[in-house]
Amino acid sequence: MGAVILTKRQLNALLSIKLNPRGLHKGSSAVTMPALVEVGLVEERPKYRRRPGETAWFLTIAGLKALANAEPSEVRSPDRH
């Protein structure tokens, strides 16, 4: 995979997933996620073992690297809404 240029919205979606290690609710960022899945930064996996069939968004290793390489000014701070 070559370099992917991400929008601020996409970077913030990646940050939201990182801040939710048990998975980000499937309905969150529904418009943004398909593009992130397509480039391999996000994947859909089962959310809880206790809730069969429920899925959530999770970062891939490539997604973590994309966040690590992003300029801090490109991503909202976690304490701002």
PDB file of N, CA and C in Angstrom:
ATOM      1  N   MET A   1       0.846  -1.171   0.000  1.00  0.00           N
ATOM      2  CA  MET A   1       0.000   0.000   0.000  1.00  0.00           C
ATOM      3  C   MET A   1       0.890   1.233   0.000  1.00  0.00           C
ATOM      4  N   GLY A   2       0.632   2.182  -0.926  1.00  0.00           N
ATOM      5  CA  GLY A   2       1.384   3.425  -0.983  1.00  0.00           C
ATOM      6  C   GLY A   2       0.896   4.386   0.075  1.00  0.00           C
ATOM      7  N   ALA A   3       1.472   5.571   0.015  1.00  0.00           N
ATOM      8  CA  ALA A   3       1.060   6.608   0.963  1.00  0.00           C
ATOM      9  C   ALA A   3      -0.391   7.001   0.709  1.00  0.00           C
ATOM     10  N   VAL A   4      -1.143   7.114   1.770  1.00  0.00           N
ATOM     11  CA  VAL A   4      -2.548   7.495   1.686  1.00  0.00           C
ATOM     12  C   VAL A   4      -2.693   8.870   2.321  1.00  0.00           C
ATOM     13  N   ILE A   5      -3.317   9.785   1.592  1.00  0.00           N
ATOM     14  CA  ILE A   5      -3.566  11.117   2.136  1.00  0.00           C
ATOM     15  C   ILE A   5      -4.936  11.092   2.799  1.00  0.00           C
ATOM     16  N   LEU A   6      -4.953  11.389   4.082  1.00  0.00           N
ATOM     17  CA  LEU A   6      -6.190  11.325   4.857  1.00  0.00           C
ATOM     18  C   LEU A   6      -6.726  12.717   5.154  1.00  0.00           C
ATOM     19  N   THR A   7      -8.041  12.823   5.157  1.00  0.00           N
ATOM     20  CA  THR A   7      -8.679  14.080   5.544  1.00  0.00           C
ATOM     21  C   THR A   7      -8.657  14.195   7.067  1.00  0.00           C
ATOM     22  N   LYS A   8      -8.924  15.388   7.544  1.00  0.00           N
ATOM     23  CA  LYS A   8      -8.990  15.589   8.994  1.00  0.00           C
ATOM     24  C   LYS A   8     -10.094  14.719   9.596  1.00  0.00           C
ATOM     25  N   ARG A   9     -11.213  14.603   8.893  1.00  0.00           N
ATOM     26  CA  ARG A   9     -12.317  13.761   9.371  1.00  0.00           C
ATOM     27  C   ARG A   9     -11.863  12.301   9.504  1.00  0.00           C
ATOM     28  N   GLN A  10     -11.112  11.817   8.528  1.00  0.00           N
ATOM     29  CA  GLN A  10     -10.632  10.436   8.587  1.00  0.00           C
ATOM     30  C   GLN A  10      -9.637  10.244   9.723  1.00  0.00           C
ATOM     31  N   LEU A  11      -8.733  11.203   9.902  1.00  0.00           N
ATOM     32  CA  LEU A  11      -7.784  11.113  11.019  1.00  0.00           C
ATOM     33  C   LEU A  11      -8.511  11.121  12.356  1.00  0.00           C
ATOM     34  N   ASN A  12      -9.526  11.945  12.485  1.00  0.00           N
ATOM     35  CA  ASN A  12     -10.294  11.981  13.733  1.00  0.00           C
ATOM     36  C   ASN A  12     -11.059  10.680  13.954  1.00  0.00           C
ATOM     37  N   ALA A  13     -11.523  10.049  12.877  1.00  0.00           N
ATOM     38  CA  ALA A  13     -12.184   8.748  13.011  1.00  0.00           C
ATOM     39  C   ALA A  13     -11.191   7.706  13.521  1.00  0.00           C
ATOM     40  N   LEU A  14      -9.967   7.729  12.999  1.00  0.00           N
ATOM     41  CA  LEU A  14      -8.938   6.802  13.481  1.00  0.00           C
ATOM     42  C   LEU A  14      -8.655   7.046  14.961  1.00  0.00           C
ATOM     43  N   LEU A  15      -8.571   8.304  15.356  1.00  0.00           N
ATOM     44  CA  LEU A  15      -8.334   8.633  16.765  1.00  0.00           C
ATOM     45  C   LEU A  15      -9.477   8.131  17.639  1.00  0.00           C
ATOM     46  N   SER A  16     -10.693   8.289  17.174  1.00  0.00           N
ATOM     47  CA  SER A  16     -11.851   7.806  17.945  1.00  0.00           C
ATOM     48  C   SER A  16     -11.771   6.305  18.175  1.00  0.00           C
ATOM     49  N   ILE A  17     -11.344   5.585  17.159  1.00  0.00           N
ATOM     50  CA  ILE A  17     -11.206   4.131  17.313  1.00  0.00           C
ATOM     51  C   ILE A  17     -10.102   3.826  18.317  1.00  0.00           C
ATOM     52  N   LYS A  18      -8.986   4.531  18.208  1.00  0.00           N
ATOM     53  CA  LYS A  18      -7.872   4.293  19.136  1.00  0.00           C
ATOM     54  C   LYS A  18      -8.293   4.540  20.580  1.00  0.00           C
ATOM     55  N   LEU A  19      -9.143   5.531  20.793  1.00  0.00           N
ATOM     56  CA  LEU A  19      -9.592   5.864  22.147  1.00  0.00           C
ATOM     57  C   LEU A  19     -10.640   4.890  22.678  1.00  0.00           C
ATOM     58  N   ASN A  20     -11.085   3.966  21.834  1.00  0.00           N
ATOM     59  CA  ASN A  20     -12.071   2.949  22.220  1.00  0.00           C
ATOM     60  C   ASN A  20     -11.496   1.569  21.926  1.00  0.00           C
ATOM     61  N   PRO A  21     -10.575   1.081  22.756  1.00  0.00           N
ATOM     62  CA  PRO A  21      -9.880  -0.172  22.459  1.00  0.00           C
ATOM     63  C   PRO A  21     -10.788  -1.401  22.379  1.00  0.00           C
ATOM     64  N   ARG A  22     -11.998  -1.314  22.903  1.00  0.00           N
ATOM     65  CA  ARG A  22     -12.935  -2.443  22.790  1.00  0.00           C
ATOM     66  C   ARG A  22     -13.741  -2.367  21.503  1.00  0.00           C
ATOM     67  N   GLY A  23     -13.413  -1.389  20.671  1.00  0.00           N
ATOM     68  CA  GLY A  23     -14.086  -1.232  19.389  1.00  0.00           C
ATOM     69  C   GLY A  23     -15.017  -0.042  19.385  1.00  0.00           C
ATOM     70  N   LEU A  24     -15.051   0.652  18.260  1.00  0.00           N
ATOM     71  CA  LEU A  24     -15.941   1.798  18.100  1.00  0.00           C
ATOM     72  C   LEU A  24     -17.261   1.308  17.541  1.00  0.00           C
ATOM     73  N   HIS A  25     -18.346   1.770  18.133  1.00  0.00           N
ATOM     74  CA  HIS A  25     -19.700   1.360  17.739  1.00  0.00           C
ATOM     75  C   HIS A  25     -19.859   1.416  16.225  1.00  0.00           C
ATOM     76  N   LYS A  26     -20.462   0.404  15.661  1.00  0.00           N
ATOM     77  CA  LYS A  26     -20.593   0.263  14.212  1.00  0.00           C
ATOM     78  C   LYS A  26     -21.279   1.452  13.563  1.00  0.00           C
ATOM     79  N   GLY A  27     -22.208   2.113  14.230  1.00  0.00           N
ATOM     80  CA  GLY A  27     -22.905   3.251  13.655  1.00  0.00           C
ATOM     81  C   GLY A  27     -22.082   4.535  13.632  1.00  0.00           C
ATOM     82  N   SER A  28     -20.972   4.556  14.353  1.00  0.00           N
ATOM     83  CA  SER A  28     -20.139   5.752  14.420  1.00  0.00           C
ATOM     84  C   SER A  28     -19.368   5.953  13.120  1.00  0.00           C
ATOM     85  N   SER A  29     -19.344   7.169  12.661  1.00  0.00           N
ATOM     86  CA  SER A  29     -18.593   7.535  11.452  1.00  0.00           C
ATOM     87  C   SER A  29     -18.904   6.630  10.268  1.00  0.00           C
ATOM     88  N   ALA A  30     -20.171   6.299  10.105  1.00  0.00           N
ATOM     89  CA  ALA A  30     -20.577   5.362   9.055  1.00  0.00           C
ATOM     90  C   ALA A  30     -20.206   5.845   7.657  1.00  0.00           C
ATOM     91  N   VAL A  31     -20.135   7.141   7.461  1.00  0.00           N
ATOM     92  CA  VAL A  31     -19.780   7.676   6.148  1.00  0.00           C
ATOM     93  C   VAL A  31     -18.275   7.551   5.901  1.00  0.00           C
ATOM     94  N   THR A  32     -17.486   7.712   6.940  1.00  0.00           N
ATOM     95  CA  THR A  32     -16.031   7.738   6.825  1.00  0.00           C
ATOM     96  C   THR A  32     -15.406   6.346   6.773  1.00  0.00           C
ATOM     97  N   MET A  33     -15.958   5.405   7.502  1.00  0.00           N
ATOM     98  CA  MET A  33     -15.317   4.104   7.676  1.00  0.00           C
ATOM     99  C   MET A  33     -15.112   3.283   6.401  1.00  0.00           C
ATOM    100  N   PRO A  34     -16.060   3.220   5.472  1.00  0.00           N
ATOM    101  CA  PRO A  34     -15.820   2.377   4.290  1.00  0.00           C
ATOM    102  C   PRO A  34     -14.526   2.714   3.544  1.00  0.00           C
ATOM    103  N   ALA A  35     -14.198   3.988   3.423  1.00  0.00           N
ATOM    104  CA  ALA A  35     -12.953   4.371   2.747  1.00  0.00           C
ATOM    105  C   ALA A  35     -11.736   3.924   3.549  1.00  0.00           C
ATOM    106  N   LEU A  36     -11.825   4.004   4.877  1.00  0.00           N
ATOM    107  CA  LEU A  36     -10.708   3.576   5.725  1.00  0.00           C
ATOM    108  C   LEU A  36     -10.537   2.059   5.692  1.00  0.00           C
ATOM    109  N   VAL A  37     -11.637   1.343   5.584  1.00  0.00           N
ATOM    110  CA  VAL A  37     -11.573  -0.119   5.442  1.00  0.00           C
ATOM    111  C   VAL A  37     -10.929  -0.465   4.103  1.00  0.00           C
ATOM    112  N   GLU A  38     -11.329   0.246   3.065  1.00  0.00           N
ATOM    113  CA  GLU A  38     -10.835  -0.027   1.712  1.00  0.00           C
ATOM    114  C   GLU A  38      -9.317   0.108   1.605  1.00  0.00           C
ATOM    115  N   VAL A  39      -8.738   1.065   2.325  1.00  0.00           N
ATOM    116  CA  VAL A  39      -7.283   1.250   2.271  1.00  0.00           C
ATOM    117  C   VAL A  39      -6.558   0.483   3.376  1.00  0.00           C
ATOM    118  N   GLY A  40      -7.295  -0.294   4.171  1.00  0.00           N
ATOM    119  CA  GLY A  40      -6.670  -1.180   5.148  1.00  0.00           C
ATOM    120  C   GLY A  40      -6.302  -0.556   6.476  1.00  0.00           C
ATOM    121  N   LEU A  41      -6.884   0.595   6.812  1.00  0.00           N
ATOM    122  CA  LEU A  41      -6.562   1.241   8.084  1.00  0.00           C
ATOM    123  C   LEU A  41      -7.507   0.846   9.206  1.00  0.00           C
ATOM    124  N   VAL A  42      -8.675   0.346   8.839  1.00  0.00           N
ATOM    125  CA  VAL A  42      -9.715  -0.034   9.799  1.00  0.00           C
ATOM    126  C   VAL A  42     -10.292  -1.369   9.368  1.00  0.00           C
ATOM    127  N   GLU A  43     -10.726  -2.151  10.351  1.00  0.00           N
ATOM    128  CA  GLU A  43     -11.411  -3.405  10.039  1.00  0.00           C
ATOM    129  C   GLU A  43     -12.618  -3.563  10.946  1.00  0.00           C
ATOM    130  N   GLU A  44     -13.558  -4.342  10.476  1.00  0.00           N
ATOM    131  CA  GLU A  44     -14.757  -4.655  11.253  1.00  0.00           C
ATOM    132  C   GLU A  44     -14.557  -6.039  11.855  1.00  0.00           C
ATOM    133  N   ARG A  45     -14.722  -6.127  13.181  1.00  0.00           N
ATOM    134  CA  ARG A  45     -14.558  -7.407  13.885  1.00  0.00           C
ATOM    135  C   ARG A  45     -15.649  -7.548  14.928  1.00  0.00           C
ATOM    136  N   PRO A  46     -15.827  -8.772  15.441  1.00  0.00           N
ATOM    137  CA  PRO A  46     -16.775  -8.954  16.548  1.00  0.00           C
ATOM    138  C   PRO A  46     -16.372  -8.069  17.729  1.00  0.00           C
ATOM    139  N   LYS A  47     -17.368  -7.456  18.350  1.00  0.00           N
ATOM    140  CA  LYS A  47     -17.104  -6.516  19.439  1.00  0.00           C
ATOM    141  C   LYS A  47     -16.887  -7.211  20.775  1.00  0.00           C
ATOM    142  N   TYR A  48     -17.811  -8.001  21.178  1.00  0.00           N
ATOM    143  CA  TYR A  48     -17.731  -8.663  22.482  1.00  0.00           C
ATOM    144  C   TYR A  48     -17.950 -10.148  22.307  1.00  0.00           C
ATOM    145  N   ARG A  49     -17.271 -10.905  23.103  1.00  0.00           N
ATOM    146  CA  ARG A  49     -17.506 -12.353  23.083  1.00  0.00           C
ATOM    147  C   ARG A  49     -18.876 -12.686  23.645  1.00  0.00           C
ATOM    148  N   ARG A  50     -19.346 -11.830  24.551  1.00  0.00           N
ATOM    149  CA  ARG A  50     -20.646 -12.091  25.185  1.00  0.00           C
ATOM    150  C   ARG A  50     -21.818 -11.730  24.283  1.00  0.00           C
ATOM    151  N   ARG A  51     -21.580 -11.000  23.237  1.00  0.00           N
ATOM    152  CA  ARG A  51     -22.653 -10.570  22.334  1.00  0.00           C
ATOM    153  C   ARG A  51     -22.367 -11.062  20.916  1.00  0.00           C
ATOM    154  N   PRO A  52     -22.667 -12.297  20.644  1.00  0.00           N
ATOM    155  CA  PRO A  52     -22.390 -12.836  19.309  1.00  0.00           C
ATOM    156  C   PRO A  52     -23.100 -12.028  18.228  1.00  0.00           C
ATOM    157  N   GLY A  53     -22.412 -11.798  17.138  1.00  0.00           N
ATOM    158  CA  GLY A  53     -22.998 -11.092  16.011  1.00  0.00           C
ATOM    159  C   GLY A  53     -22.815  -9.586  16.035  1.00  0.00           C
ATOM    160  N   GLU A  54     -22.466  -9.004  17.175  1.00  0.00           N
ATOM    161  CA  GLU A  54     -22.261  -7.556  17.251  1.00  0.00           C
ATOM    162  C   GLU A  54     -20.837  -7.236  16.803  1.00  0.00           C
ATOM    163  N   THR A  55     -20.723  -6.308  15.870  1.00  0.00           N
ATOM    164  CA  THR A  55     -19.403  -5.946  15.367  1.00  0.00           C
ATOM    165  C   THR A  55     -19.096  -4.485  15.666  1.00  0.00           C
ATOM    166  N   ALA A  56     -17.820  -4.144  15.548  1.00  0.00           N
ATOM    167  CA  ALA A  56     -17.362  -2.778  15.795  1.00  0.00           C
ATOM    168  C   ALA A  56     -16.163  -2.506  14.898  1.00  0.00           C
ATOM    169  N   TRP A  57     -15.768  -1.236  14.852  1.00  0.00           N
ATOM    170  CA  TRP A  57     -14.594  -0.834  14.086  1.00  0.00           C
ATOM    171  C   TRP A  57     -13.350  -0.937  14.960  1.00  0.00           C
ATOM    172  N   PHE A  58     -12.262  -1.445  14.382  1.00  0.00           N
ATOM    173  CA  PHE A  58     -10.980  -1.564  15.073  1.00  0.00           C
ATOM    174  C   PHE A  58      -9.870  -1.087  14.146  1.00  0.00           C
ATOM    175  N   LEU A  59      -8.815  -0.529  14.722  1.00  0.00           N
ATOM    176  CA  LEU A  59      -7.659  -0.117  13.936  1.00  0.00           C
ATOM    177  C   LEU A  59      -6.837  -1.326  13.522  1.00  0.00           C
ATOM    178  N   THR A  60      -6.269  -1.258  12.347  1.00  0.00           N
ATOM    179  CA  THR A  60      -5.275  -2.236  11.925  1.00  0.00           C
ATOM    180  C   THR A  60      -3.905  -1.666  12.308  1.00  0.00           C
ATOM    181  N   ILE A  61      -2.866  -2.437  12.124  1.00  0.00           N
ATOM    182  CA  ILE A  61      -1.515  -1.931  12.383  1.00  0.00           C
ATOM    183  C   ILE A  61      -1.231  -0.740  11.474  1.00  0.00           C
ATOM    184  N   ALA A  62      -1.677  -0.818  10.228  1.00  0.00           N
ATOM    185  CA  ALA A  62      -1.494   0.309   9.301  1.00  0.00           C
ATOM    186  C   ALA A  62      -2.231   1.554   9.800  1.00  0.00           C
ATOM    187  N   GLY A  63      -3.391   1.375  10.411  1.00  0.00           N
ATOM    188  CA  GLY A  63      -4.137   2.499  10.970  1.00  0.00           C
ATOM    189  C   GLY A  63      -3.396   3.151  12.125  1.00  0.00           C
ATOM    190  N   LEU A  64      -2.798   2.327  12.974  1.00  0.00           N
ATOM    191  CA  LEU A  64      -1.993   2.863  14.082  1.00  0.00           C
ATOM    192  C   LEU A  64      -0.802   3.650  13.549  1.00  0.00           C
ATOM    193  N   LYS A  65      -0.155   3.123  12.502  1.00  0.00           N
ATOM    194  CA  LYS A  65       0.992   3.813  11.908  1.00  0.00           C
ATOM    195  C   LYS A  65       0.563   5.136  11.280  1.00  0.00           C
ATOM    196  N   ALA A  66      -0.596   5.150  10.629  1.00  0.00           N
ATOM    197  CA  ALA A  66      -1.091   6.386  10.015  1.00  0.00           C
ATOM    198  C   ALA A  66      -1.313   7.457  11.077  1.00  0.00           C
ATOM    199  N   LEU A  67      -1.862   7.063  12.216  1.00  0.00           N
ATOM    200  CA  LEU A  67      -2.062   8.022  13.314  1.00  0.00           C
ATOM    201  C   LEU A  67      -0.728   8.498  13.871  1.00  0.00           C
ATOM    202  N   ALA A  68       0.214   7.582  14.014  1.00  0.00           N
ATOM    203  CA  ALA A  68       1.522   7.941  14.561  1.00  0.00           C
ATOM    204  C   ALA A  68       2.258   8.914  13.640  1.00  0.00           C
ATOM    205  N   ASN A  69       2.033   8.801  12.334  1.00  0.00           N
ATOM    206  CA  ASN A  69       2.714   9.656  11.363  1.00  0.00           C
ATOM    207  C   ASN A  69       1.998  10.977  11.108  1.00  0.00           C
ATOM    208  N   ALA A  70       0.795  11.129  11.627  1.00  0.00           N
ATOM    209  CA  ALA A  70       0.022  12.357  11.405  1.00  0.00           C
ATOM    210  C   ALA A  70       0.599  13.496  12.239  1.00  0.00           C
ATOM    211  N   GLU A  71       0.531  14.674  11.691  1.00  0.00           N
ATOM    212  CA  GLU A  71       0.945  15.862  12.435  1.00  0.00           C
ATOM    213  C   GLU A  71      -0.062  16.104  13.554  1.00  0.00           C
ATOM    214  N   PRO A  72       0.379  16.445  14.752  1.00  0.00           N
ATOM    215  CA  PRO A  72      -0.563  16.686  15.856  1.00  0.00           C
ATOM    216  C   PRO A  72      -1.637  17.718  15.522  1.00  0.00           C
ATOM    217  N   SER A  73      -1.308  18.711  14.728  1.00  0.00           N
ATOM    218  CA  SER A  73      -2.291  19.743  14.382  1.00  0.00           C
ATOM    219  C   SER A  73      -3.381  19.218  13.454  1.00  0.00           C
ATOM    220  N   GLU A  74      -3.142  18.059  12.825  1.00  0.00           N
ATOM    221  CA  GLU A  74      -4.124  17.481  11.910  1.00  0.00           C
ATOM    222  C   GLU A  74      -5.222  16.717  12.639  1.00  0.00           C
ATOM    223  N   VAL A  75      -4.961  16.346  13.879  1.00  0.00           N
ATOM    224  CA  VAL A  75      -5.896  15.515  14.637  1.00  0.00           C
ATOM    225  C   VAL A  75      -6.376  16.303  15.843  1.00  0.00           C
ATOM    226  N   ARG A  76      -7.691  16.255  16.092  1.00  0.00           N
ATOM    227  CA  ARG A  76      -8.229  16.962  17.257  1.00  0.00           C
ATOM    228  C   ARG A  76      -7.666  16.355  18.525  1.00  0.00           C
ATOM    229  N   SER A  77      -7.551  17.152  19.554  1.00  0.00           N
ATOM    230  CA  SER A  77      -7.097  16.610  20.823  1.00  0.00           C
ATOM    231  C   SER A  77      -8.241  15.818  21.443  1.00  0.00           C
ATOM    232  N   PRO A  78      -7.936  14.742  22.171  1.00  0.00           N
ATOM    233  CA  PRO A  78      -8.982  13.885  22.732  1.00  0.00           C
ATOM    234  C   PRO A  78      -9.940  14.598  23.675  1.00  0.00           C
ATOM    235  N   ASP A  79      -9.500  15.690  24.308  1.00  0.00           N
ATOM    236  CA  ASP A  79     -10.370  16.341  25.283  1.00  0.00           C
ATOM    237  C   ASP A  79     -11.268  17.401  24.640  1.00  0.00           C
ATOM    238  N   ARG A  80     -11.167  17.609  23.337  1.00  0.00           N
ATOM    239  CA  ARG A  80     -12.031  18.575  22.655  1.00  0.00           C
ATOM    240  C   ARG A  80     -13.127  17.843  21.915  1.00  0.00           C
ATOM    241  N   HIS A  81     -14.301  18.451  21.837  1.00  0.00           N
ATOM    242  CA  HIS A  81     -15.432  17.823  21.141  1.00  0.00           C
ATOM    243  C   HIS A  81     -15.817  18.615  19.926  1.00  0.00           C
TER     244      HIS A  81
END
